[in-house]
């Protein structure tokens, strides 16, 4: 999420442009940046309106990983292949648009989009709560690997499946009429 990349980017920007006032609004909806009265926007992934130009910023990609608590895996088994996930509780995240965050799994050149079951669905703005549900043994989660790393190091969560979720990157969006 933007909380990972935005602070250092904004810090550099305001240091370079002290005359510019920066106002930050965070919303996971696919907002029309121009109609919202903004000069620019930052979007995760590849959703781009026809009248916008995307400029990659921050890390080109954030890796997504699957994780579960050891007690969950002891009770339900460790999924080894994407299809094994179909028999597991998967903690899903939902955008405010209503769309579920997809689990597009990959390993090397092999890509497997999978529509997973999930009785526990949490809004993306509450993703830290989803991690806590995974820590409590409620199921398997897919989220940013850097968010999961501290839990992997402590042993509270462990990586699941040799497949990874397809990474995506952030882009700075500007109206096509604005020079870059």
N, C-alpha and C. Protein backbone atom coordinates (compact mmCIF):
# COMPACT_ATOMS: atom_id res chain seq x y z
N UNK A 1 0.84 -1.18 0.00
CA UNK A 1 0.00 0.00 0.00
C UNK A 1 0.88 1.23 0.00
N UNK A 2 0.23 2.35 -0.18
CA UNK A 2 0.96 3.61 -0.26
C UNK A 2 1.72 3.95 1.00
N UNK A 3 1.30 3.44 2.14
CA UNK A 3 2.01 3.75 3.38
C UNK A 3 3.45 3.27 3.32
N UNK A 4 3.75 2.33 2.45
CA UNK A 4 5.10 1.81 2.31
C UNK A 4 6.00 2.71 1.47
N UNK A 5 5.44 3.30 0.42
CA UNK A 5 6.28 4.05 -0.51
C UNK A 5 6.06 5.55 -0.47
N UNK A 6 4.91 6.01 -0.01
CA UNK A 6 4.58 7.43 -0.10
C UNK A 6 5.43 8.35 0.76
N UNK A 7 5.66 8.06 2.05
CA UNK A 7 6.41 9.03 2.87
C UNK A 7 7.77 9.44 2.29
N UNK A 8 8.64 8.51 1.88
CA UNK A 8 9.92 8.98 1.34
C UNK A 8 9.77 9.75 0.03
N UNK A 9 8.79 9.38 -0.80
CA UNK A 9 8.57 10.10 -2.05
C UNK A 9 8.11 11.53 -1.78
N UNK A 10 7.16 11.68 -0.86
CA UNK A 10 6.65 13.02 -0.54
C UNK A 10 7.75 13.85 0.11
N UNK A 11 8.53 13.24 0.98
CA UNK A 11 9.63 13.95 1.65
C UNK A 11 10.59 14.53 0.62
N UNK A 12 10.98 13.72 -0.37
CA UNK A 12 11.88 14.21 -1.42
C UNK A 12 11.22 15.31 -2.25
N UNK A 13 9.93 15.12 -2.56
CA UNK A 13 9.22 16.10 -3.38
C UNK A 13 9.13 17.45 -2.68
N UNK A 14 8.71 17.47 -1.41
CA UNK A 14 8.57 18.76 -0.71
C UNK A 14 9.93 19.41 -0.46
N UNK A 15 10.98 18.62 -0.31
CA UNK A 15 12.32 19.20 -0.16
C UNK A 15 12.77 19.87 -1.46
N UNK A 16 12.41 19.27 -2.58
CA UNK A 16 12.79 19.80 -3.88
C UNK A 16 11.89 20.96 -4.31
N UNK A 17 10.63 20.95 -3.88
CA UNK A 17 9.64 21.96 -4.28
C UNK A 17 8.99 22.58 -3.05
N UNK A 18 9.73 23.39 -2.29
CA UNK A 18 9.17 23.94 -1.05
C UNK A 18 7.99 24.88 -1.26
N UNK A 19 7.81 25.37 -2.47
CA UNK A 19 6.70 26.29 -2.76
C UNK A 19 5.38 25.57 -3.02
N UNK A 20 5.41 24.25 -3.14
CA UNK A 20 4.21 23.48 -3.48
C UNK A 20 3.55 22.94 -2.21
N UNK A 21 2.23 23.09 -2.15
CA UNK A 21 1.45 22.52 -1.04
C UNK A 21 1.00 21.13 -1.46
N UNK A 22 1.20 20.16 -0.60
CA UNK A 22 0.83 18.78 -0.90
C UNK A 22 -0.36 18.39 -0.04
N UNK A 23 -1.38 17.88 -0.69
CA UNK A 23 -2.55 17.36 0.01
C UNK A 23 -2.70 15.90 -0.39
N UNK A 24 -2.81 15.02 0.58
CA UNK A 24 -2.88 13.59 0.30
C UNK A 24 -4.25 13.05 0.70
N UNK A 25 -4.88 12.36 -0.25
CA UNK A 25 -6.13 11.65 0.01
C UNK A 25 -5.88 10.20 -0.37
N UNK A 26 -6.25 9.29 0.50
CA UNK A 26 -6.05 7.87 0.20
C UNK A 26 -7.41 7.21 0.08
N UNK A 27 -7.63 6.57 -1.05
CA UNK A 27 -8.91 5.94 -1.36
C UNK A 27 -8.63 4.77 -2.29
N UNK A 28 -9.16 3.61 -2.00
CA UNK A 28 -8.89 2.47 -2.87
C UNK A 28 -9.84 2.39 -4.06
N UNK A 29 -10.80 3.31 -4.14
CA UNK A 29 -11.71 3.31 -5.29
C UNK A 29 -10.98 3.78 -6.54
N UNK A 30 -11.47 3.39 -7.70
CA UNK A 30 -10.91 3.87 -8.96
C UNK A 30 -11.51 5.24 -9.24
N UNK A 31 -10.88 6.27 -8.69
CA UNK A 31 -11.38 7.63 -8.76
C UNK A 31 -10.87 8.31 -10.02
N UNK A 32 -11.72 9.13 -10.65
CA UNK A 32 -11.29 9.98 -11.75
C UNK A 32 -10.48 11.11 -11.13
N UNK A 33 -9.17 11.05 -11.29
CA UNK A 33 -8.26 11.98 -10.63
C UNK A 33 -8.59 13.43 -10.99
N UNK A 34 -8.84 13.70 -12.27
CA UNK A 34 -9.15 15.05 -12.72
C UNK A 34 -10.47 15.53 -12.16
N UNK A 35 -11.50 14.69 -12.22
CA UNK A 35 -12.82 15.07 -11.71
C UNK A 35 -12.79 15.31 -10.20
N UNK A 36 -11.87 14.65 -9.50
CA UNK A 36 -11.74 14.83 -8.05
C UNK A 36 -10.98 16.11 -7.70
N UNK A 37 -10.52 16.84 -8.73
CA UNK A 37 -9.82 18.09 -8.50
C UNK A 37 -8.36 17.92 -8.12
N UNK A 38 -7.79 16.77 -8.45
CA UNK A 38 -6.40 16.51 -8.10
C UNK A 38 -5.50 16.76 -9.31
N UNK A 39 -4.27 17.16 -9.05
CA UNK A 39 -3.29 17.36 -10.11
C UNK A 39 -2.63 16.05 -10.52
N UNK A 40 -2.59 15.11 -9.61
CA UNK A 40 -1.97 13.81 -9.88
C UNK A 40 -2.54 12.79 -8.92
N UNK A 41 -2.33 11.54 -9.21
CA UNK A 41 -2.78 10.47 -8.34
C UNK A 41 -1.77 9.34 -8.39
N UNK A 42 -1.86 8.47 -7.42
CA UNK A 42 -1.00 7.28 -7.41
C UNK A 42 -1.92 6.07 -7.37
N UNK A 43 -1.68 5.16 -8.26
CA UNK A 43 -2.53 3.98 -8.34
C UNK A 43 -1.67 2.74 -8.31
N UNK A 44 -2.16 1.75 -7.62
CA UNK A 44 -1.49 0.46 -7.54
C UNK A 44 -2.06 -0.41 -8.66
N UNK A 45 -1.21 -1.04 -9.41
CA UNK A 45 -1.68 -1.93 -10.46
C UNK A 45 -1.70 -1.26 -11.82
N UNK A 46 -2.59 -1.74 -12.67
CA UNK A 46 -2.55 -1.34 -14.06
C UNK A 46 -3.85 -0.70 -14.55
N UNK A 47 -4.68 -0.18 -13.66
CA UNK A 47 -5.93 0.43 -14.06
C UNK A 47 -5.66 1.86 -14.48
N UNK A 48 -5.93 2.19 -15.75
CA UNK A 48 -5.61 3.51 -16.26
C UNK A 48 -6.71 4.00 -17.19
N UNK A 49 -7.27 5.17 -16.88
CA UNK A 49 -8.28 5.77 -17.75
C UNK A 49 -7.60 6.22 -19.04
N UNK A 50 -8.39 6.31 -20.13
CA UNK A 50 -7.83 6.65 -21.44
C UNK A 50 -7.16 8.02 -21.47
N UNK A 51 -7.66 8.96 -20.66
CA UNK A 51 -7.11 10.32 -20.71
C UNK A 51 -5.98 10.54 -19.70
N UNK A 52 -5.39 9.47 -19.20
CA UNK A 52 -4.32 9.58 -18.20
C UNK A 52 -3.02 8.98 -18.73
N UNK A 53 -1.93 9.43 -18.15
CA UNK A 53 -0.60 8.90 -18.44
C UNK A 53 -0.05 8.34 -17.13
N UNK A 54 0.52 7.16 -17.17
CA UNK A 54 1.09 6.54 -15.97
C UNK A 54 2.61 6.60 -16.02
N UNK A 55 3.21 7.02 -14.92
CA UNK A 55 4.65 7.05 -14.77
C UNK A 55 5.01 6.18 -13.57
N UNK A 56 5.75 5.09 -13.76
CA UNK A 56 6.09 4.23 -12.62
C UNK A 56 6.87 5.00 -11.56
N UNK A 57 6.52 4.76 -10.28
CA UNK A 57 7.22 5.39 -9.16
C UNK A 57 7.50 4.33 -8.10
N UNK A 58 8.37 4.64 -7.18
CA UNK A 58 8.65 3.72 -6.09
C UNK A 58 9.20 2.41 -6.61
N UNK A 59 9.10 1.37 -5.81
CA UNK A 59 9.58 0.07 -6.29
C UNK A 59 8.73 -0.35 -7.48
N UNK A 60 9.36 -0.92 -8.48
CA UNK A 60 8.61 -1.31 -9.68
C UNK A 60 7.53 -2.32 -9.35
N UNK A 61 7.82 -3.22 -8.44
CA UNK A 61 6.83 -4.21 -8.05
C UNK A 61 6.92 -4.47 -6.56
N UNK A 62 5.78 -4.76 -5.97
CA UNK A 62 5.76 -5.26 -4.60
C UNK A 62 5.33 -6.71 -4.69
N UNK A 63 6.13 -7.58 -4.12
CA UNK A 63 5.80 -9.01 -4.17
C UNK A 63 4.68 -9.32 -3.19
N UNK A 64 3.82 -10.20 -3.61
CA UNK A 64 2.74 -10.69 -2.77
C UNK A 64 3.05 -12.13 -2.38
N UNK A 65 2.74 -12.48 -1.16
CA UNK A 65 3.02 -13.84 -0.68
C UNK A 65 1.80 -14.40 0.02
N UNK A 66 1.74 -15.72 0.08
CA UNK A 66 0.69 -16.42 0.82
C UNK A 66 1.27 -16.87 2.15
N UNK A 67 0.45 -16.78 3.20
CA UNK A 67 0.94 -17.14 4.53
C UNK A 67 -0.19 -17.67 5.39
N UNK A 68 0.19 -18.48 6.38
CA UNK A 68 -0.76 -18.99 7.37
C UNK A 68 0.00 -19.26 8.66
N UNK A 69 -0.74 -19.33 9.76
CA UNK A 69 -0.15 -19.63 11.06
C UNK A 69 0.17 -21.13 11.15
N UNK A 70 1.26 -21.48 11.79
CA UNK A 70 1.60 -22.90 11.94
C UNK A 70 0.46 -23.76 12.51
N UNK A 71 -0.30 -23.30 13.54
CA UNK A 71 -1.40 -24.14 14.03
C UNK A 71 -2.48 -24.39 12.96
N UNK A 72 -2.75 -23.39 12.10
CA UNK A 72 -3.72 -23.59 11.02
C UNK A 72 -3.21 -24.69 10.09
N UNK A 73 -1.95 -24.61 9.70
CA UNK A 73 -1.38 -25.58 8.77
C UNK A 73 -1.30 -26.97 9.39
N UNK A 74 -1.04 -27.05 10.68
CA UNK A 74 -1.03 -28.35 11.37
C UNK A 74 -2.42 -28.98 11.35
N UNK A 75 -3.44 -28.17 11.52
CA UNK A 75 -4.82 -28.67 11.57
C UNK A 75 -5.39 -28.98 10.20
N UNK A 76 -4.98 -28.22 9.17
CA UNK A 76 -5.62 -28.33 7.85
C UNK A 76 -4.69 -28.84 6.76
N UNK A 77 -3.43 -29.00 7.06
CA UNK A 77 -2.47 -29.44 6.06
C UNK A 77 -1.88 -28.26 5.30
N UNK A 78 -0.74 -28.50 4.69
CA UNK A 78 -0.04 -27.46 3.94
C UNK A 78 -0.37 -27.59 2.46
N UNK A 79 -0.97 -26.57 1.86
CA UNK A 79 -1.25 -26.64 0.42
C UNK A 79 0.06 -26.55 -0.37
N UNK A 80 0.22 -27.42 -1.34
CA UNK A 80 1.44 -27.44 -2.14
C UNK A 80 1.22 -26.88 -3.54
N UNK A 81 -0.02 -27.00 -4.03
CA UNK A 81 -0.36 -26.53 -5.38
C UNK A 81 -1.54 -25.58 -5.28
N UNK A 82 -1.71 -24.71 -6.27
CA UNK A 82 -2.84 -23.77 -6.22
C UNK A 82 -4.19 -24.44 -6.00
N UNK A 83 -4.43 -25.58 -6.65
CA UNK A 83 -5.74 -26.22 -6.49
C UNK A 83 -5.97 -26.70 -5.06
N UNK A 84 -4.89 -26.95 -4.31
CA UNK A 84 -5.02 -27.35 -2.90
C UNK A 84 -5.67 -26.24 -2.08
N UNK A 85 -5.50 -25.00 -2.51
CA UNK A 85 -6.07 -23.86 -1.77
C UNK A 85 -7.59 -23.90 -1.77
N UNK A 86 -8.19 -24.59 -2.74
CA UNK A 86 -9.66 -24.65 -2.83
C UNK A 86 -10.29 -25.32 -1.62
N UNK A 87 -9.53 -26.15 -0.92
CA UNK A 87 -10.08 -26.83 0.26
C UNK A 87 -9.67 -26.15 1.57
N UNK A 88 -9.17 -24.93 1.47
CA UNK A 88 -8.72 -24.19 2.66
C UNK A 88 -9.57 -22.95 2.88
N UNK A 89 -9.52 -22.46 4.11
CA UNK A 89 -10.10 -21.16 4.42
C UNK A 89 -9.11 -20.11 3.92
N UNK A 90 -9.56 -19.26 3.04
CA UNK A 90 -8.71 -18.21 2.51
C UNK A 90 -9.27 -16.86 2.94
N UNK A 91 -8.45 -16.06 3.56
CA UNK A 91 -8.86 -14.74 4.02
C UNK A 91 -8.72 -13.80 2.83
N UNK A 92 -9.85 -13.32 2.35
CA UNK A 92 -9.87 -12.50 1.13
C UNK A 92 -9.97 -11.03 1.47
N UNK A 93 -9.44 -10.20 0.59
CA UNK A 93 -9.53 -8.75 0.73
C UNK A 93 -10.44 -8.22 -0.37
N UNK A 94 -11.21 -7.18 -0.03
CA UNK A 94 -12.16 -6.60 -0.99
C UNK A 94 -11.90 -5.10 -1.13
N UNK A 95 -11.87 -4.65 -2.39
CA UNK A 95 -11.79 -3.21 -2.67
C UNK A 95 -13.13 -2.57 -2.35
N UNK A 96 -13.13 -1.26 -2.12
CA UNK A 96 -14.39 -0.57 -1.84
C UNK A 96 -15.33 -0.61 -3.04
N UNK A 97 -14.81 -0.89 -4.23
CA UNK A 97 -15.66 -1.03 -5.42
C UNK A 97 -16.51 -2.29 -5.35
N UNK A 98 -16.16 -3.19 -4.43
CA UNK A 98 -16.86 -4.46 -4.31
C UNK A 98 -16.08 -5.63 -4.88
N UNK A 99 -15.07 -5.34 -5.70
CA UNK A 99 -14.27 -6.40 -6.31
C UNK A 99 -13.34 -7.03 -5.27
N UNK A 100 -13.23 -8.34 -5.34
CA UNK A 100 -12.27 -9.05 -4.48
C UNK A 100 -10.87 -8.92 -5.07
N UNK A 101 -9.89 -8.81 -4.22
CA UNK A 101 -8.50 -8.80 -4.67
C UNK A 101 -8.20 -10.20 -5.21
N UNK A 102 -7.74 -10.26 -6.45
CA UNK A 102 -7.49 -11.54 -7.09
C UNK A 102 -6.24 -12.22 -6.58
N UNK A 103 -6.26 -13.52 -6.59
CA UNK A 103 -5.07 -14.31 -6.28
C UNK A 103 -4.59 -14.90 -7.60
N UNK A 104 -3.78 -14.17 -8.33
CA UNK A 104 -3.22 -14.64 -9.59
C UNK A 104 -1.84 -15.20 -9.28
N UNK A 105 -1.79 -16.52 -9.18
CA UNK A 105 -0.58 -17.19 -8.72
C UNK A 105 0.36 -17.48 -9.88
N UNK A 106 1.66 -17.44 -9.58
CA UNK A 106 2.64 -17.75 -10.61
C UNK A 106 3.85 -18.44 -10.00
N UNK A 107 4.50 -19.23 -10.86
CA UNK A 107 5.77 -19.87 -10.53
C UNK A 107 6.53 -19.96 -11.84
N UNK A 108 7.59 -19.19 -11.95
CA UNK A 108 8.31 -19.14 -13.22
C UNK A 108 7.39 -18.62 -14.31
N UNK A 109 7.25 -19.40 -15.39
CA UNK A 109 6.38 -19.00 -16.50
C UNK A 109 4.95 -19.50 -16.35
N UNK A 110 4.66 -20.22 -15.28
CA UNK A 110 3.34 -20.80 -15.06
C UNK A 110 2.46 -19.80 -14.30
N UNK A 111 1.30 -19.47 -14.87
CA UNK A 111 0.37 -18.51 -14.25
C UNK A 111 -0.96 -19.21 -14.00
N UNK A 112 -1.48 -19.07 -12.78
CA UNK A 112 -2.71 -19.75 -12.39
C UNK A 112 -3.63 -18.75 -11.68
N UNK A 113 -4.61 -18.16 -12.41
CA UNK A 113 -5.60 -17.35 -11.70
C UNK A 113 -6.56 -18.31 -10.99
N UNK A 114 -6.89 -18.03 -9.76
CA UNK A 114 -7.74 -18.95 -9.00
C UNK A 114 -8.78 -18.16 -8.22
N UNK A 115 -10.02 -18.61 -8.28
CA UNK A 115 -11.10 -17.99 -7.52
C UNK A 115 -11.29 -18.83 -6.27
N UNK A 116 -10.87 -18.29 -5.16
CA UNK A 116 -10.81 -19.06 -3.92
C UNK A 116 -12.02 -18.84 -3.03
N UNK A 117 -12.34 -19.87 -2.25
CA UNK A 117 -13.40 -19.69 -1.26
C UNK A 117 -12.89 -18.78 -0.15
N UNK A 118 -13.78 -18.23 0.57
CA UNK A 118 -13.37 -17.42 1.71
C UNK A 118 -14.59 -16.98 2.48
N UNK A 119 -14.70 -17.46 3.69
CA UNK A 119 -15.81 -17.02 4.54
C UNK A 119 -15.47 -15.73 5.25
N UNK A 120 -14.19 -15.37 5.28
CA UNK A 120 -13.75 -14.15 5.94
C UNK A 120 -13.22 -13.20 4.87
N UNK A 121 -13.97 -12.12 4.64
CA UNK A 121 -13.61 -11.13 3.62
C UNK A 121 -13.47 -9.78 4.32
N UNK A 122 -12.35 -9.12 4.09
CA UNK A 122 -12.02 -7.89 4.81
C UNK A 122 -11.68 -6.80 3.80
N UNK A 123 -12.12 -5.57 4.04
CA UNK A 123 -11.80 -4.45 3.17
C UNK A 123 -10.30 -4.21 3.13
N UNK A 124 -9.79 -3.80 1.96
CA UNK A 124 -8.35 -3.61 1.82
C UNK A 124 -7.80 -2.57 2.80
N UNK A 125 -8.63 -1.62 3.21
CA UNK A 125 -8.16 -0.62 4.16
C UNK A 125 -7.90 -1.22 5.54
N UNK A 126 -8.40 -2.43 5.78
CA UNK A 126 -8.19 -3.12 7.06
C UNK A 126 -7.28 -4.33 6.88
N UNK A 127 -6.38 -4.26 5.90
CA UNK A 127 -5.48 -5.39 5.64
C UNK A 127 -4.68 -5.81 6.87
N UNK A 128 -4.24 -4.88 7.74
CA UNK A 128 -3.54 -5.34 8.95
C UNK A 128 -4.41 -6.26 9.82
N UNK A 129 -5.72 -6.02 9.83
CA UNK A 129 -6.61 -6.91 10.58
C UNK A 129 -6.64 -8.29 9.94
N UNK A 130 -6.58 -8.34 8.62
CA UNK A 130 -6.56 -9.63 7.92
C UNK A 130 -5.31 -10.42 8.31
N UNK A 131 -4.19 -9.74 8.44
CA UNK A 131 -2.96 -10.41 8.88
C UNK A 131 -3.14 -10.97 10.28
N UNK A 132 -3.79 -10.20 11.15
CA UNK A 132 -4.03 -10.67 12.52
C UNK A 132 -4.94 -11.90 12.54
N UNK A 133 -5.95 -11.93 11.65
CA UNK A 133 -6.80 -13.12 11.56
C UNK A 133 -5.98 -14.33 11.12
N UNK A 134 -5.06 -14.12 10.18
CA UNK A 134 -4.19 -15.22 9.75
C UNK A 134 -3.32 -15.68 10.92
N UNK A 135 -2.77 -14.73 11.67
CA UNK A 135 -1.95 -15.08 12.85
C UNK A 135 -2.76 -15.87 13.86
N UNK A 136 -4.05 -15.58 13.95
CA UNK A 136 -4.92 -16.27 14.91
C UNK A 136 -5.36 -17.64 14.41
N UNK A 137 -4.90 -18.02 13.20
CA UNK A 137 -5.22 -19.35 12.69
C UNK A 137 -6.53 -19.45 11.95
N UNK A 138 -7.06 -18.34 11.44
CA UNK A 138 -8.35 -18.34 10.75
C UNK A 138 -8.25 -18.72 9.28
N UNK A 139 -7.04 -18.79 8.73
CA UNK A 139 -6.92 -19.18 7.33
C UNK A 139 -5.64 -18.68 6.70
N UNK A 140 -5.63 -18.75 5.37
CA UNK A 140 -4.47 -18.36 4.56
C UNK A 140 -4.73 -16.98 3.99
N UNK A 141 -3.72 -16.14 4.01
CA UNK A 141 -3.83 -14.78 3.49
C UNK A 141 -2.83 -14.58 2.36
N UNK A 142 -3.19 -13.72 1.42
CA UNK A 142 -2.25 -13.26 0.39
C UNK A 142 -2.17 -11.75 0.52
N UNK A 143 -0.97 -11.26 0.80
CA UNK A 143 -0.77 -9.81 0.91
C UNK A 143 0.69 -9.50 0.65
N UNK A 144 1.06 -8.24 0.78
CA UNK A 144 2.42 -7.82 0.48
C UNK A 144 3.43 -8.59 1.31
N UNK A 145 4.42 -9.12 0.63
CA UNK A 145 5.45 -9.92 1.30
C UNK A 145 6.18 -9.11 2.37
N UNK A 146 6.43 -7.82 2.10
CA UNK A 146 7.15 -7.02 3.10
C UNK A 146 6.32 -6.81 4.36
N UNK A 147 5.00 -6.87 4.26
CA UNK A 147 4.15 -6.80 5.46
C UNK A 147 4.23 -8.10 6.25
N UNK A 148 4.44 -9.21 5.55
CA UNK A 148 4.48 -10.52 6.19
C UNK A 148 5.86 -10.88 6.74
N UNK A 149 6.90 -10.26 6.21
CA UNK A 149 8.27 -10.62 6.61
C UNK A 149 8.51 -10.65 8.12
N UNK A 150 8.04 -9.65 8.89
CA UNK A 150 8.28 -9.73 10.34
C UNK A 150 7.63 -10.96 10.98
N UNK A 151 6.48 -11.36 10.46
CA UNK A 151 5.78 -12.53 10.99
C UNK A 151 6.47 -13.82 10.55
N UNK A 152 7.06 -13.82 9.34
CA UNK A 152 7.85 -14.97 8.91
C UNK A 152 9.07 -15.12 9.81
N UNK A 153 9.75 -14.00 10.08
CA UNK A 153 10.97 -14.06 10.92
C UNK A 153 10.66 -14.53 12.34
N UNK A 154 9.50 -14.11 12.87
CA UNK A 154 9.16 -14.49 14.25
C UNK A 154 8.57 -15.89 14.34
N UNK A 155 8.15 -16.44 13.19
CA UNK A 155 7.53 -17.76 13.19
C UNK A 155 6.03 -17.72 13.41
N UNK A 156 5.44 -16.52 13.56
CA UNK A 156 3.99 -16.40 13.77
C UNK A 156 3.22 -16.81 12.52
N UNK A 157 3.82 -16.60 11.35
CA UNK A 157 3.24 -17.04 10.07
C UNK A 157 4.34 -17.75 9.30
N UNK A 158 3.90 -18.62 8.40
CA UNK A 158 4.89 -19.24 7.52
C UNK A 158 4.40 -19.17 6.09
N UNK A 159 5.34 -19.06 5.14
CA UNK A 159 4.95 -19.01 3.73
C UNK A 159 4.21 -20.29 3.34
N UNK A 160 3.28 -20.14 2.43
CA UNK A 160 2.45 -21.26 1.98
C UNK A 160 2.57 -21.39 0.47
N UNK A 161 2.74 -22.61 -0.01
CA UNK A 161 2.72 -22.92 -1.43
C UNK A 161 3.96 -22.33 -2.12
N UNK A 162 4.51 -23.02 -3.06
CA UNK A 162 5.69 -22.51 -3.76
C UNK A 162 5.31 -21.48 -4.82
N UNK A 163 4.02 -21.31 -5.07
CA UNK A 163 3.57 -20.28 -5.99
C UNK A 163 3.53 -18.95 -5.26
N UNK A 164 3.69 -17.88 -5.98
CA UNK A 164 3.58 -16.52 -5.46
C UNK A 164 2.42 -15.84 -6.16
N UNK A 165 1.90 -14.81 -5.52
CA UNK A 165 0.91 -13.98 -6.19
C UNK A 165 1.66 -13.05 -7.14
N UNK A 166 1.08 -12.84 -8.30
CA UNK A 166 1.70 -11.98 -9.30
C UNK A 166 1.91 -10.59 -8.72
N UNK A 167 3.13 -10.05 -8.82
CA UNK A 167 3.38 -8.71 -8.28
C UNK A 167 2.78 -7.63 -9.17
N UNK A 168 2.55 -6.48 -8.58
CA UNK A 168 2.09 -5.32 -9.33
C UNK A 168 2.82 -4.11 -8.80
N UNK A 169 2.79 -3.02 -9.58
CA UNK A 169 3.53 -1.83 -9.19
C UNK A 169 2.66 -0.61 -9.05
N UNK A 170 3.27 0.46 -8.58
CA UNK A 170 2.59 1.73 -8.40
C UNK A 170 2.90 2.64 -9.58
N UNK A 171 1.94 3.49 -9.96
CA UNK A 171 2.16 4.49 -10.99
C UNK A 171 1.62 5.82 -10.54
N UNK A 172 2.32 6.88 -10.94
CA UNK A 172 1.85 8.24 -10.74
C UNK A 172 0.99 8.56 -11.95
N UNK A 173 -0.23 9.01 -11.73
CA UNK A 173 -1.15 9.29 -12.82
C UNK A 173 -1.26 10.78 -13.05
N UNK A 174 -1.22 11.18 -14.32
CA UNK A 174 -1.38 12.58 -14.68
C UNK A 174 -2.31 12.65 -15.87
N UNK A 175 -3.14 13.71 -15.95
CA UNK A 175 -3.95 13.87 -17.15
C UNK A 175 -3.04 13.93 -18.37
N UNK A 176 -3.49 13.35 -19.49
CA UNK A 176 -2.68 13.31 -20.70
C UNK A 176 -2.34 14.71 -21.19
N UNK A 177 -3.15 15.70 -20.83
CA UNK A 177 -2.91 17.07 -21.28
C UNK A 177 -1.81 17.77 -20.48
N UNK A 178 -1.34 17.17 -19.39
CA UNK A 178 -0.30 17.78 -18.55
C UNK A 178 1.05 17.22 -18.96
N UNK A 179 2.02 18.11 -19.28
CA UNK A 179 3.35 17.59 -19.66
C UNK A 179 4.03 16.90 -18.49
N UNK A 180 4.79 15.88 -18.80
CA UNK A 180 5.50 15.13 -17.76
C UNK A 180 6.89 15.72 -17.58
